[in-house]
Amino acid sequence: MAEEIRAEMVANVLSVPVTAGERVEPGTTLVLLESMKMEIPVLCEGGGTVREVHVEPGEVVQEGDLLVVIG
Protein backbone atom coordinates (compact mmCIF):
# COMPACT_ATOMS: atom_id res chain seq x y z
CA MET A 1 0.00 0.00 0.00
CA ALA A 2 1.30 3.44 -0.91
CA GLU A 3 2.10 6.03 1.74
CA GLU A 4 1.49 9.67 0.74
CA ILE A 5 3.81 12.15 2.41
CA ARG A 6 2.20 15.60 2.60
CA ALA A 7 3.36 19.04 3.73
CA GLU A 8 2.34 19.92 7.28
CA MET A 9 2.74 23.66 6.72
CA VAL A 10 3.36 26.35 4.13
CA ALA A 11 7.07 26.18 3.31
CA ASN A 12 9.76 26.53 0.66
CA VAL A 13 11.32 23.35 -0.73
CA LEU A 14 15.08 23.58 -0.13
CA SER A 15 16.08 20.15 -1.43
CA VAL A 16 14.75 16.75 -2.46
CA PRO A 17 17.54 14.26 -1.76
CA VAL A 18 15.59 11.22 -3.06
CA THR A 19 14.49 10.14 -6.55
CA ALA A 20 11.77 7.87 -7.87
CA GLY A 21 12.81 4.24 -7.71
CA GLU A 22 15.17 4.75 -4.77
CA ARG A 23 14.87 2.45 -1.75
CA VAL A 24 14.56 4.37 1.54
CA GLU A 25 14.75 3.29 5.16
CA PRO A 26 12.89 4.71 8.16
CA GLY A 27 14.44 8.04 9.13
CA THR A 28 15.62 8.93 5.61
CA THR A 29 15.11 12.61 4.74
CA LEU A 30 12.70 12.75 1.79
CA VAL A 31 12.34 16.52 1.45
CA LEU A 32 13.98 19.44 3.25
CA LEU A 33 11.60 22.34 3.80
CA GLU A 34 12.24 25.87 5.08
CA SER A 35 9.71 27.95 6.96
CA MET A 36 10.34 31.05 9.06
CA LYS A 37 14.12 30.60 8.60
CA MET A 38 13.99 27.09 10.09
CA GLU A 39 14.91 23.94 8.17
CA ILE A 40 12.36 21.15 8.55
CA PRO A 41 13.31 17.67 7.33
CA VAL A 42 10.40 15.49 6.18
CA LEU A 43 11.40 11.97 7.20
CA CYS A 44 10.36 8.55 5.93
CA GLU A 45 8.46 6.68 8.63
CA GLY A 46 8.07 3.14 7.34
CA GLY A 47 10.64 2.61 4.60
CA GLY A 48 10.01 1.34 1.09
CA THR A 49 10.60 2.51 -2.47
CA VAL A 50 10.02 6.06 -3.63
CA ARG A 51 7.26 5.79 -6.24
CA GLU A 52 6.72 9.47 -7.05
CA VAL A 53 8.30 12.81 -6.20
CA HIS A 54 5.89 15.73 -6.61
CA VAL A 55 8.09 18.71 -5.66
CA GLU A 56 11.42 20.22 -6.60
CA PRO A 57 13.73 22.77 -4.97
CA GLY A 58 12.50 26.35 -5.15
CA GLU A 59 8.79 25.49 -5.03
CA VAL A 60 6.46 26.77 -2.32
CA VAL A 61 4.15 24.14 -0.86
CA GLN A 62 0.90 24.65 1.00
CA GLU A 63 -0.33 22.65 3.97
CA GLY A 64 -1.59 19.31 2.68
CA ASP A 65 0.28 19.37 -0.65
CA LEU A 66 1.56 15.98 -1.80
CA LEU A 67 5.36 15.77 -1.58
CA VAL A 68 6.34 12.13 -2.09
CA VAL A 69 4.66 8.75 -2.49
CA ILE A 70 6.35 5.71 -0.91
CA GLY A 71 5.31 2.21 -1.92
PDB file of N, CA and C in Angstrom:
ATOM      1  N   MET A   1       0.838  -1.188   0.000  1.00  0.00           N
ATOM      2  CA  MET A   1       0.000   0.000   0.000  1.00  0.00           C
ATOM      3  C   MET A   1       0.882   1.250   0.000  1.00  0.00           C
ATOM      4  N   ALA A   2       0.507   2.229  -0.778  1.00  0.00           N
ATOM      5  CA  ALA A   2       1.304   3.441  -0.913  1.00  0.00           C
ATOM      6  C   ALA A   2       1.087   4.378   0.277  1.00  0.00           C
ATOM      7  N   GLU A   3       2.150   5.042   0.669  1.00  0.00           N
ATOM      8  CA  GLU A   3       2.096   6.033   1.739  1.00  0.00           C
ATOM      9  C   GLU A   3       2.325   7.406   1.114  1.00  0.00           C
ATOM     10  N   GLU A   4       1.359   8.306   1.268  1.00  0.00           N
ATOM     11  CA  GLU A   4       1.486   9.666   0.740  1.00  0.00           C
ATOM     12  C   GLU A   4       2.069  10.563   1.816  1.00  0.00           C
ATOM     13  N   ILE A   5       3.173  11.217   1.492  1.00  0.00           N
ATOM     14  CA  ILE A   5       3.812  12.152   2.408  1.00  0.00           C
ATOM     15  C   ILE A   5       3.379  13.556   1.986  1.00  0.00           C
ATOM     16  N   ARG A   6       2.753  14.275   2.909  1.00  0.00           N
ATOM     17  CA  ARG A   6       2.203  15.604   2.601  1.00  0.00           C
ATOM     18  C   ARG A   6       2.843  16.677   3.482  1.00  0.00           C
ATOM     19  N   ALA A   7       2.820  17.905   2.983  1.00  0.00           N
ATOM     20  CA  ALA A   7       3.360  19.037   3.732  1.00  0.00           C
ATOM     21  C   ALA A   7       2.470  19.326   4.940  1.00  0.00           C
ATOM     22  N   GLU A   8       3.086  19.605   6.066  1.00  0.00           N
ATOM     23  CA  GLU A   8       2.339  19.921   7.280  1.00  0.00           C
ATOM     24  C   GLU A   8       2.161  21.421   7.472  1.00  0.00           C
ATOM     25  N   MET A   9       2.802  22.209   6.593  1.00  0.00           N
ATOM     26  CA  MET A   9       2.740  23.664   6.720  1.00  0.00           C
ATOM     27  C   MET A   9       3.125  24.305   5.394  1.00  0.00           C
ATOM     28  N   VAL A  10       2.886  25.590   5.280  1.00  0.00           N
ATOM     29  CA  VAL A  10       3.362  26.351   4.128  1.00  0.00           C
ATOM     30  C   VAL A  10       4.873  26.487   4.279  1.00  0.00           C
ATOM     31  N   ALA A  11       5.607  26.156   3.217  1.00  0.00           N
ATOM     32  CA  ALA A  11       7.071  26.181   3.312  1.00  0.00           C
ATOM     33  C   ALA A  11       7.691  26.226   1.925  1.00  0.00           C
ATOM     34  N   ASN A  12       8.968  26.598   1.884  1.00  0.00           N
ATOM     35  CA  ASN A  12       9.762  26.531   0.665  1.00  0.00           C
ATOM     36  C   ASN A  12      10.470  25.180   0.623  1.00  0.00           C
ATOM     37  N   VAL A  13      10.584  24.596  -0.565  1.00  0.00           N
ATOM     38  CA  VAL A  13      11.316  23.350  -0.730  1.00  0.00           C
ATOM     39  C   VAL A  13      12.788  23.706  -0.945  1.00  0.00           C
ATOM     40  N   LEU A  14      13.643  23.307  -0.008  1.00  0.00           N
ATOM     41  CA  LEU A  14      15.080  23.578  -0.126  1.00  0.00           C
ATOM     42  C   LEU A  14      15.777  22.509  -0.956  1.00  0.00           C
ATOM     43  N   SER A  15      15.459  21.238  -0.672  1.00  0.00           N
ATOM     44  CA  SER A  15      16.075  20.149  -1.431  1.00  0.00           C
ATOM     45  C   SER A  15      15.201  18.905  -1.382  1.00  0.00           C
ATOM     46  N   VAL A  16      15.433  18.048  -2.370  1.00  0.00           N
ATOM     47  CA  VAL A  16      14.749  16.754  -2.456  1.00  0.00           C
ATOM     48  C   VAL A  16      15.849  15.716  -2.704  1.00  0.00           C
ATOM     49  N   PRO A  17      16.390  15.143  -1.620  1.00  0.00           N
ATOM     50  CA  PRO A  17      17.542  14.256  -1.765  1.00  0.00           C
ATOM     51  C   PRO A  17      17.218  12.829  -2.208  1.00  0.00           C
ATOM     52  N   VAL A  18      15.957  12.560  -2.579  1.00  0.00           N
ATOM     53  CA  VAL A  18      15.592  11.224  -3.060  1.00  0.00           C
ATOM     54  C   VAL A  18      15.020  11.330  -4.474  1.00  0.00           C
ATOM     55  N   THR A  19      15.051  10.198  -5.198  1.00  0.00           N
ATOM     56  CA  THR A  19      14.493  10.141  -6.549  1.00  0.00           C
ATOM     57  C   THR A  19      13.569   8.940  -6.664  1.00  0.00           C
ATOM     58  N   ALA A  20      12.679   8.984  -7.635  1.00  0.00           N
ATOM     59  CA  ALA A  20      11.765   7.870  -7.873  1.00  0.00           C
ATOM     60  C   ALA A  20      12.573   6.610  -8.143  1.00  0.00           C
ATOM     61  N   GLY A  21      12.134   5.510  -7.549  1.00  0.00           N
ATOM     62  CA  GLY A  21      12.813   4.236  -7.710  1.00  0.00           C
ATOM     63  C   GLY A  21      13.828   3.927  -6.624  1.00  0.00           C
ATOM     64  N   GLU A  22      14.162   4.927  -5.828  1.00  0.00           N
ATOM     65  CA  GLU A  22      15.169   4.752  -4.766  1.00  0.00           C
ATOM     66  C   GLU A  22      14.555   4.060  -3.557  1.00  0.00           C
ATOM     67  N   ARG A  23      15.293   3.134  -2.977  1.00  0.00           N
ATOM     68  CA  ARG A  23      14.866   2.447  -1.755  1.00  0.00           C
ATOM     69  C   ARG A  23      15.247   3.327  -0.567  1.00  0.00           C
ATOM     70  N   VAL A  24      14.296   3.533   0.363  1.00  0.00           N
ATOM     71  CA  VAL A  24      14.557   4.366   1.537  1.00  0.00           C
ATOM     72  C   VAL A  24      14.211   3.609   2.809  1.00  0.00           C
ATOM     73  N   GLU A  25      14.931   3.918   3.843  1.00  0.00           N
ATOM     74  CA  GLU A  25      14.747   3.291   5.157  1.00  0.00           C
ATOM     75  C   GLU A  25      14.053   4.279   6.091  1.00  0.00           C
ATOM     76  N   PRO A  26      13.466   3.793   7.176  1.00  0.00           N
ATOM     77  CA  PRO A  26      12.891   4.711   8.157  1.00  0.00           C
ATOM     78  C   PRO A  26      13.936   5.723   8.625  1.00  0.00           C
ATOM     79  N   GLY A  27      13.528   6.981   8.704  1.00  0.00           N
ATOM     80  CA  GLY A  27      14.436   8.042   9.132  1.00  0.00           C
ATOM     81  C   GLY A  27      15.139   8.766   8.001  1.00  0.00           C
ATOM     82  N   THR A  28      15.010   8.267   6.760  1.00  0.00           N
ATOM     83  CA  THR A  28      15.624   8.928   5.605  1.00  0.00           C
ATOM     84  C   THR A  28      14.930  10.259   5.351  1.00  0.00           C
ATOM     85  N   THR A  29      15.697  11.323   5.098  1.00  0.00           N
ATOM     86  CA  THR A  29      15.111  12.606   4.738  1.00  0.00           C
ATOM     87  C   THR A  29      14.614  12.537   3.299  1.00  0.00           C
ATOM     88  N   LEU A  30      13.319  12.777   3.111  1.00  0.00           N
ATOM     89  CA  LEU A  30      12.703  12.746   1.792  1.00  0.00           C
ATOM     90  C   LEU A  30      12.700  14.115   1.139  1.00  0.00           C
ATOM     91  N   VAL A  31      12.403  15.133   1.933  1.00  0.00           N
ATOM     92  CA  VAL A  31      12.340  16.515   1.452  1.00  0.00           C
ATOM     93  C   VAL A  31      12.830  17.402   2.594  1.00  0.00           C
ATOM     94  N   LEU A  32      13.558  18.456   2.250  1.00  0.00           N
ATOM     95  CA  LEU A  32      13.980  19.438   3.246  1.00  0.00           C
ATOM     96  C   LEU A  32      13.217  20.724   2.961  1.00  0.00           C
ATOM     97  N   LEU A  33      12.404  21.130   3.942  1.00  0.00           N
ATOM     98  CA  LEU A  33      11.598  22.345   3.799  1.00  0.00           C
ATOM     99  C   LEU A  33      12.202  23.459   4.638  1.00  0.00           C
ATOM    100  N   GLU A  34      11.821  24.692   4.305  1.00  0.00           N
ATOM    101  CA  GLU A  34      12.244  25.868   5.082  1.00  0.00           C
ATOM    102  C   GLU A  34      11.018  26.728   5.327  1.00  0.00           C
ATOM    103  N   SER A  35      10.819  27.069   6.586  1.00  0.00           N
ATOM    104  CA  SER A  35       9.712  27.952   6.957  1.00  0.00           C
ATOM    105  C   SER A  35      10.179  28.820   8.119  1.00  0.00           C
ATOM    106  N   MET A  36       9.956  30.100   8.012  1.00  0.00           N
ATOM    107  CA  MET A  36      10.338  31.046   9.057  1.00  0.00           C
ATOM    108  C   MET A  36      11.801  30.889   9.451  1.00  0.00           C
ATOM    109  N   LYS A  37      12.667  30.716   8.448  1.00  0.00           N
ATOM    110  CA  LYS A  37      14.117  30.595   8.605  1.00  0.00           C
ATOM    111  C   LYS A  37      14.547  29.343   9.367  1.00  0.00           C
ATOM    112  N   MET A  38      13.649  28.360   9.456  1.00  0.00           N
ATOM    113  CA  MET A  38      13.989  27.093  10.090  1.00  0.00           C
ATOM    114  C   MET A  38      13.938  25.987   9.044  1.00  0.00           C
ATOM    115  N   GLU A  39      14.916  25.085   9.069  1.00  0.00           N
ATOM    116  CA  GLU A  39      14.912  23.942   8.165  1.00  0.00           C
ATOM    117  C   GLU A  39      14.135  22.803   8.819  1.00  0.00           C
ATOM    118  N   ILE A  40      13.212  22.219   8.050  1.00  0.00           N
ATOM    119  CA  ILE A  40      12.364  21.151   8.554  1.00  0.00           C
ATOM    120  C   ILE A  40      12.519  19.928   7.663  1.00  0.00           C
ATOM    121  N   PRO A  41      13.203  18.887   8.140  1.00  0.00           N
ATOM    122  CA  PRO A  41      13.312  17.668   7.333  1.00  0.00           C
ATOM    123  C   PRO A  41      12.005  16.879   7.402  1.00  0.00           C
ATOM    124  N   VAL A  42      11.560  16.379   6.246  1.00  0.00           N
ATOM    125  CA  VAL A  42      10.404  15.489   6.179  1.00  0.00           C
ATOM    126  C   VAL A  42      10.978  14.082   6.065  1.00  0.00           C
ATOM    127  N   LEU A  43      10.755  13.273   7.099  1.00  0.00           N
ATOM    128  CA  LEU A  43      11.402  11.969   7.196  1.00  0.00           C
ATOM    129  C   LEU A  43      10.474  10.830   6.780  1.00  0.00           C
ATOM    130  N   CYS A  44      11.080   9.765   6.269  1.00  0.00           N
ATOM    131  CA  CYS A  44      10.363   8.548   5.929  1.00  0.00           C
ATOM    132  C   CYS A  44      10.061   7.803   7.226  1.00  0.00           C
ATOM    133  N   GLU A  45       8.823   7.380   7.401  1.00  0.00           N
ATOM    134  CA  GLU A  45       8.463   6.679   8.632  1.00  0.00           C
ATOM    135  C   GLU A  45       8.597   5.168   8.518  1.00  0.00           C
ATOM    136  N   GLY A  46       8.135   4.590   7.411  1.00  0.00           N
ATOM    137  CA  GLY A  46       8.075   3.145   7.341  1.00  0.00           C
ATOM    138  C   GLY A  46       9.066   2.469   6.416  1.00  0.00           C
ATOM    139  N   GLY A  47       9.739   3.214   5.578  1.00  0.00           N
ATOM    140  CA  GLY A  47      10.639   2.610   4.602  1.00  0.00           C
ATOM    141  C   GLY A  47       9.878   2.099   3.391  1.00  0.00           C
ATOM    142  N   GLY A  48      10.613   1.822   2.327  1.00  0.00           N
ATOM    143  CA  GLY A  48      10.014   1.342   1.090  1.00  0.00           C
ATOM    144  C   GLY A  48      10.746   1.906  -0.108  1.00  0.00           C
ATOM    145  N   THR A  49      10.035   1.964  -1.238  1.00  0.00           N
ATOM    146  CA  THR A  49      10.602   2.505  -2.469  1.00  0.00           C
ATOM    147  C   THR A  49       9.864   3.782  -2.837  1.00  0.00           C
ATOM    148  N   VAL A  50      10.623   4.803  -3.213  1.00  0.00           N
ATOM    149  CA  VAL A  50      10.018   6.065  -3.632  1.00  0.00           C
ATOM    150  C   VAL A  50       9.321   5.820  -4.974  1.00  0.00           C
ATOM    151  N   ARG A  51       8.018   5.975  -5.004  1.00  0.00           N
ATOM    152  CA  ARG A  51       7.257   5.791  -6.241  1.00  0.00           C
ATOM    153  C   ARG A  51       7.191   7.080  -7.056  1.00  0.00           C
ATOM    154  N   GLU A  52       6.902   8.185  -6.356  1.00  0.00           N
ATOM    155  CA  GLU A  52       6.722   9.467  -7.048  1.00  0.00           C
ATOM    156  C   GLU A  52       7.275  10.595  -6.199  1.00  0.00           C
ATOM    157  N   VAL A  53       7.868  11.585  -6.852  1.00  0.00           N
ATOM    158  CA  VAL A  53       8.303  12.814  -6.202  1.00  0.00           C
ATOM    159  C   VAL A  53       7.517  13.947  -6.865  1.00  0.00           C
ATOM    160  N   HIS A  54       6.791  14.720  -6.071  1.00  0.00           N
ATOM    161  CA  HIS A  54       5.892  15.733  -6.611  1.00  0.00           C
ATOM    162  C   HIS A  54       6.381  17.166  -6.440  1.00  0.00           C
ATOM    163  N   VAL A  55       7.561  17.360  -5.872  1.00  0.00           N
ATOM    164  CA  VAL A  55       8.090  18.713  -5.655  1.00  0.00           C
ATOM    165  C   VAL A  55       9.537  18.784  -6.110  1.00  0.00           C
ATOM    166  N   GLU A  56      10.007  20.010  -6.292  1.00  0.00           N
ATOM    167  CA  GLU A  56      11.420  20.225  -6.600  1.00  0.00           C
ATOM    168  C   GLU A  56      11.891  21.483  -5.883  1.00  0.00           C
ATOM    169  N   PRO A  57      13.202  21.610  -5.690  1.00  0.00           N
ATOM    170  CA  PRO A  57      13.728  22.770  -4.971  1.00  0.00           C
ATOM    171  C   PRO A  57      13.256  24.079  -5.599  1.00  0.00           C
ATOM    172  N   GLY A  58      12.944  25.035  -4.710  1.00  0.00           N
ATOM    173  CA  GLY A  58      12.497  26.349  -5.154  1.00  0.00           C
ATOM    174  C   GLY A  58      10.988  26.509  -5.139  1.00  0.00           C
ATOM    175  N   GLU A  59      10.254  25.414  -5.077  1.00  0.00           N
ATOM    176  CA  GLU A  59       8.793  25.494  -5.027  1.00  0.00           C
ATOM    177  C   GLU A  59       8.328  25.916  -3.639  1.00  0.00           C
ATOM    178  N   VAL A  60       7.130  26.481  -3.585  1.00  0.00           N
ATOM    179  CA  VAL A  60       6.462  26.775  -2.324  1.00  0.00           C
ATOM    180  C   VAL A  60       5.305  25.794  -2.210  1.00  0.00           C
ATOM    181  N   VAL A  61       5.240  25.083  -1.079  1.00  0.00           N
ATOM    182  CA  VAL A  61       4.148  24.140  -0.862  1.00  0.00           C
ATOM    183  C   VAL A  61       3.190  24.692   0.183  1.00  0.00           C
ATOM    184  N   GLN A  62       1.950  24.277   0.058  1.00  0.00           N
ATOM    185  CA  GLN A  62       0.900  24.652   1.002  1.00  0.00           C
ATOM    186  C   GLN A  62       0.634  23.467   1.928  1.00  0.00           C
ATOM    187  N   GLU A  63       0.037  23.731   3.062  1.00  0.00           N
ATOM    188  CA  GLU A  63      -0.331  22.654   3.972  1.00  0.00           C
ATOM    189  C   GLU A  63      -1.208  21.637   3.236  1.00  0.00           C
ATOM    190  N   GLY A  64      -0.829  20.371   3.314  1.00  0.00           N
ATOM    191  CA  GLY A  64      -1.591  19.309   2.683  1.00  0.00           C
ATOM    192  C   GLY A  64      -1.133  18.931   1.289  1.00  0.00           C
ATOM    193  N   ASP A  65      -0.216  19.702   0.697  1.00  0.00           N
ATOM    194  CA  ASP A  65       0.282  19.373  -0.651  1.00  0.00           C
ATOM    195  C   ASP A  65       1.044  18.048  -0.617  1.00  0.00           C
ATOM    196  N   LEU A  66       0.866  17.260  -1.668  1.00  0.00           N
ATOM    197  CA  LEU A  66       1.556  15.976  -1.804  1.00  0.00           C
ATOM    198  C   LEU A  66       3.024  16.220  -2.133  1.00  0.00           C
ATOM    199  N   LEU A  67       3.921  15.621  -1.361  1.00  0.00           N
ATOM    200  CA  LEU A  67       5.361  15.768  -1.578  1.00  0.00           C
ATOM    201  C   LEU A  67       5.949  14.537  -2.253  1.00  0.00           C
ATOM    202  N   VAL A  68       5.745  13.377  -1.640  1.00  0.00           N
ATOM    203  CA  VAL A  68       6.345  12.127  -2.089  1.00  0.00           C
ATOM    204  C   VAL A  68       5.371  10.979  -1.835  1.00  0.00           C
ATOM    205  N   VAL A  69       5.425   9.968  -2.712  1.00  0.00           N
ATOM    206  CA  VAL A  69       4.663   8.745  -2.491  1.00  0.00           C
ATOM    207  C   VAL A  69       5.661   7.602  -2.321  1.00  0.00           C
ATOM    208  N   ILE A  70       5.506   6.852  -1.229  1.00  0.00           N
ATOM    209  CA  ILE A  70       6.353   5.709  -0.906  1.00  0.00           C
ATOM    210  C   ILE A  70       5.515   4.440  -1.072  1.00  0.00           C
ATOM    211  N   GLY A  71       6.075   3.438  -1.736  1.00  0.00           N
ATOM    212  CA  GLY A  71       5.312   2.206  -1.924  1.00  0.00           C
ATOM    213  C   GLY A  71       6.059   0.997  -1.434  1.00  0.00           C
TER     214      GLY A  71
END
